[in-house]
Amino acid sequence: MARNWTLRATVGAERALATWARTVSDRMRGRDRDAGAGFVEYAGLMILIAGIFTLIDGLGLDGLISGAILEAVTSVTGG
């Protein structure tokens, strides 16, 4: 019984992966491709990064983070 379940799960995963690969391929090359999605994704990423920097600055973590990075680099370089 366990082999049957494992086999069905494996075949299901393979089918899902094949469907996903076809979908991605069609969207990249087909006439229904996601033209213009790059700008939206880029803008969303920039907003996310700006939000993280604002949060770090607002909480006053910038000195703590830079101190931790300096300590890690000093530890690695042995200085």
C-alpha atoms as a PDB file:
ATOM      1  CA  MET A   1       0.000   0.000   0.000  1.00  0.00           C
ATOM      2  CA  ALA A   2       2.827   2.402   0.822  1.00  0.00           C
ATOM      3  CA  ARG A   3       4.468   1.824  -2.559  1.00  0.00           C
ATOM      4  CA  ASN A   4       1.229   2.714  -4.307  1.00  0.00           C
ATOM      5  CA  TRP A   5       0.940   5.980  -2.399  1.00  0.00           C
ATOM      6  CA  THR A   6       4.582   6.855  -3.057  1.00  0.00           C
ATOM      7  CA  LEU A   7       4.247   6.060  -6.749  1.00  0.00           C
ATOM      8  CA  ARG A   8       1.085   8.153  -7.080  1.00  0.00           C
ATOM      9  CA  ALA A   9       2.721  11.059  -5.260  1.00  0.00           C
ATOM     10  CA  THR A  10       5.808  10.863  -7.486  1.00  0.00           C
ATOM     11  CA  VAL A  11       3.769  10.728 -10.691  1.00  0.00           C
ATOM     12  CA  GLY A  12       1.600  13.615  -9.479  1.00  0.00           C
ATOM     13  CA  ALA A  13       4.687  15.712  -8.718  1.00  0.00           C
ATOM     14  CA  GLU A  14       6.171  14.943 -12.138  1.00  0.00           C
ATOM     15  CA  ARG A  15       2.937  15.958 -13.876  1.00  0.00           C
ATOM     16  CA  ALA A  16       2.731  19.174 -11.882  1.00  0.00           C
ATOM     17  CA  LEU A  17       6.334  20.019 -12.732  1.00  0.00           C
ATOM     18  CA  ALA A  18       5.743  19.322 -16.431  1.00  0.00           C
ATOM     19  CA  THR A  19       2.616  21.506 -16.426  1.00  0.00           C
ATOM     20  CA  TRP A  20       4.470  24.305 -14.668  1.00  0.00           C
ATOM     21  CA  ALA A  21       7.376  24.103 -17.137  1.00  0.00           C
ATOM     22  CA  ARG A  22       4.960  24.273 -20.107  1.00  0.00           C
ATOM     23  CA  THR A  23       3.158  27.242 -18.578  1.00  0.00           C
ATOM     24  CA  VAL A  24       6.377  29.144 -17.943  1.00  0.00           C
ATOM     25  CA  SER A  25       7.668  28.336 -21.420  1.00  0.00           C
ATOM     26  CA  ASP A  26       4.419  29.467 -23.051  1.00  0.00           C
ATOM     27  CA  ARG A  27       4.404  32.709 -21.103  1.00  0.00           C
ATOM     28  CA  MET A  28       7.987  33.463 -22.085  1.00  0.00           C
ATOM     29  CA  ARG A  29       7.685  32.685 -25.794  1.00  0.00           C
ATOM     30  CA  GLY A  30       4.031  32.602 -26.757  1.00  0.00           C
ATOM     31  CA  ARG A  31       1.784  35.372 -27.985  1.00  0.00           C
ATOM     32  CA  ASP A  32       0.236  35.547 -24.514  1.00  0.00           C
ATOM     33  CA  ARG A  33       3.553  36.277 -22.865  1.00  0.00           C
ATOM     34  CA  ASP A  34       3.731  38.617 -19.895  1.00  0.00           C
ATOM     35  CA  ALA A  35       4.895  41.720 -21.696  1.00  0.00           C
ATOM     36  CA  GLY A  36       5.317  44.580 -19.251  1.00  0.00           C
ATOM     37  CA  ALA A  37       5.363  42.413 -16.146  1.00  0.00           C
ATOM     38  CA  GLY A  38       9.052  43.210 -15.696  1.00  0.00           C
ATOM     39  CA  PHE A  39       8.404  46.870 -14.903  1.00  0.00           C
ATOM     40  CA  VAL A  40       5.706  46.046 -12.350  1.00  0.00           C
ATOM     41  CA  GLU A  41       7.927  43.483 -10.665  1.00  0.00           C
ATOM     42  CA  TYR A  42      10.882  45.881 -10.656  1.00  0.00           C
ATOM     43  CA  ALA A  43       8.768  48.673  -9.130  1.00  0.00           C
ATOM     44  CA  GLY A  44       7.422  46.298  -6.473  1.00  0.00           C
ATOM     45  CA  LEU A  45      10.917  45.161  -5.591  1.00  0.00           C
ATOM     46  CA  MET A  46      12.131  48.754  -5.284  1.00  0.00           C
ATOM     47  CA  ILE A  47       9.198  49.618  -2.998  1.00  0.00           C
ATOM     48  CA  LEU A  48       9.982  46.576  -0.841  1.00  0.00           C
ATOM     49  CA  ILE A  49      13.667  47.490  -0.575  1.00  0.00           C
ATOM     50  CA  ALA A  50      12.824  51.112   0.269  1.00  0.00           C
ATOM     51  CA  GLY A  51      10.452  49.893   2.978  1.00  0.00           C
ATOM     52  CA  ILE A  52      13.151  47.704   4.509  1.00  0.00           C
ATOM     53  CA  PHE A  53      15.650  50.583   4.534  1.00  0.00           C
ATOM     54  CA  THR A  54      13.053  52.895   6.089  1.00  0.00           C
ATOM     55  CA  LEU A  55      12.268  50.316   8.766  1.00  0.00           C
ATOM     56  CA  ILE A  56      15.948  49.819   9.579  1.00  0.00           C
ATOM     57  CA  ASP A  57      16.508  53.571   9.811  1.00  0.00           C
ATOM     58  CA  GLY A  58      13.325  54.185  11.796  1.00  0.00           C
ATOM     59  CA  LEU A  59      14.155  51.552  14.394  1.00  0.00           C
ATOM     60  CA  GLY A  60      17.745  52.764  14.709  1.00  0.00           C
ATOM     61  CA  LEU A  61      19.188  49.426  13.686  1.00  0.00           C
ATOM     62  CA  ASP A  62      21.670  50.872  11.207  1.00  0.00           C
ATOM     63  CA  GLY A  63      24.451  51.240  13.804  1.00  0.00           C
ATOM     64  CA  LEU A  64      23.767  47.795  15.231  1.00  0.00           C
ATOM     65  CA  ILE A  65      23.860  46.155  11.797  1.00  0.00           C
ATOM     66  CA  SER A  66      27.027  47.945  10.688  1.00  0.00           C
ATOM     67  CA  GLY A  67      28.707  47.030  13.998  1.00  0.00           C
ATOM     68  CA  ALA A  68      27.778  43.381  13.562  1.00  0.00           C
ATOM     69  CA  ILE A  69      29.108  43.369   9.986  1.00  0.00           C
ATOM     70  CA  LEU A  70      32.365  45.024  11.102  1.00  0.00           C
ATOM     71  CA  GLU A  71      32.754  42.468  13.886  1.00  0.00           C
ATOM     72  CA  ALA A  72      32.142  39.564  11.466  1.00  0.00           C
ATOM     73  CA  VAL A  73      34.627  40.900   8.913  1.00  0.00           C
ATOM     74  CA  THR A  74      37.236  41.486  11.619  1.00  0.00           C
ATOM     75  CA  SER A  75      36.679  37.954  12.891  1.00  0.00           C
ATOM     76  CA  VAL A  76      37.131  36.473   9.397  1.00  0.00           C
ATOM     77  CA  THR A  77      40.187  38.523   8.472  1.00  0.00           C
ATOM     78  CA  GLY A  78      41.779  37.954  11.869  1.00  0.00           C
ATOM     79  CA  GLY A  79      42.399  41.614  12.480  1.00  0.00           C
END
